[in-house]
Amino acid sequence: MTGIEVLDSAVKIGLGASISAVSGYFILHLTHKHNVRTEEVANLRKTNDYKKFLYVDFLSHSQALVQTYYDISSDGKDKEYLSYLRIYNEVQIISSDTIRACAYELLCSVQEFIVIRKNEQERDLLKLMRERIDKALASFQYLAKNDVCK
């Protein structure tokens, strides 16, 4: 083999190896970007599912407390109420400021209603309190739906 043939073979082999290396790098890079994006989408879906569960739990507990203490008052020490506070705090930690403010409004209206002495109050006042709760529930439902369906 002459020097030119050796040089020709080296260039062919080197060029082929270089092309393979560059294309392998780009394929690996694209695969990695795809995997990262797939994980991000899965994490977003998982977070939204958890938020949806938590929001429904918070709404359900709010309504259950109002129904439970419709004609009687709560001392604020029962397990249902304490569970409600735990759920409220989770909502406060994972939510946007808009949802946090709405959740606070709902919490306050529910607390106000369940601790008031029912037999000592006018029914009109209790009716107004219920309307405040219903408005807070509707607002929270609307914001929660928009948060998990975006």
Foldseek 3Di string as FASTA:
>chain_A
DDPVVVVVVCCVVVVVVVVVVVVVVVVVVVVVVVVVVVVVVVVLLVVLVVLVVLLVVLLVLLVVLCVVQVQAADPCPDPSNVVNVVSLVVCCVPDDPVLNVLSVQLVVLSNVLRHDGRVPDDVVVNVVSVVSNVVSSVSNVVVSCVVSVD
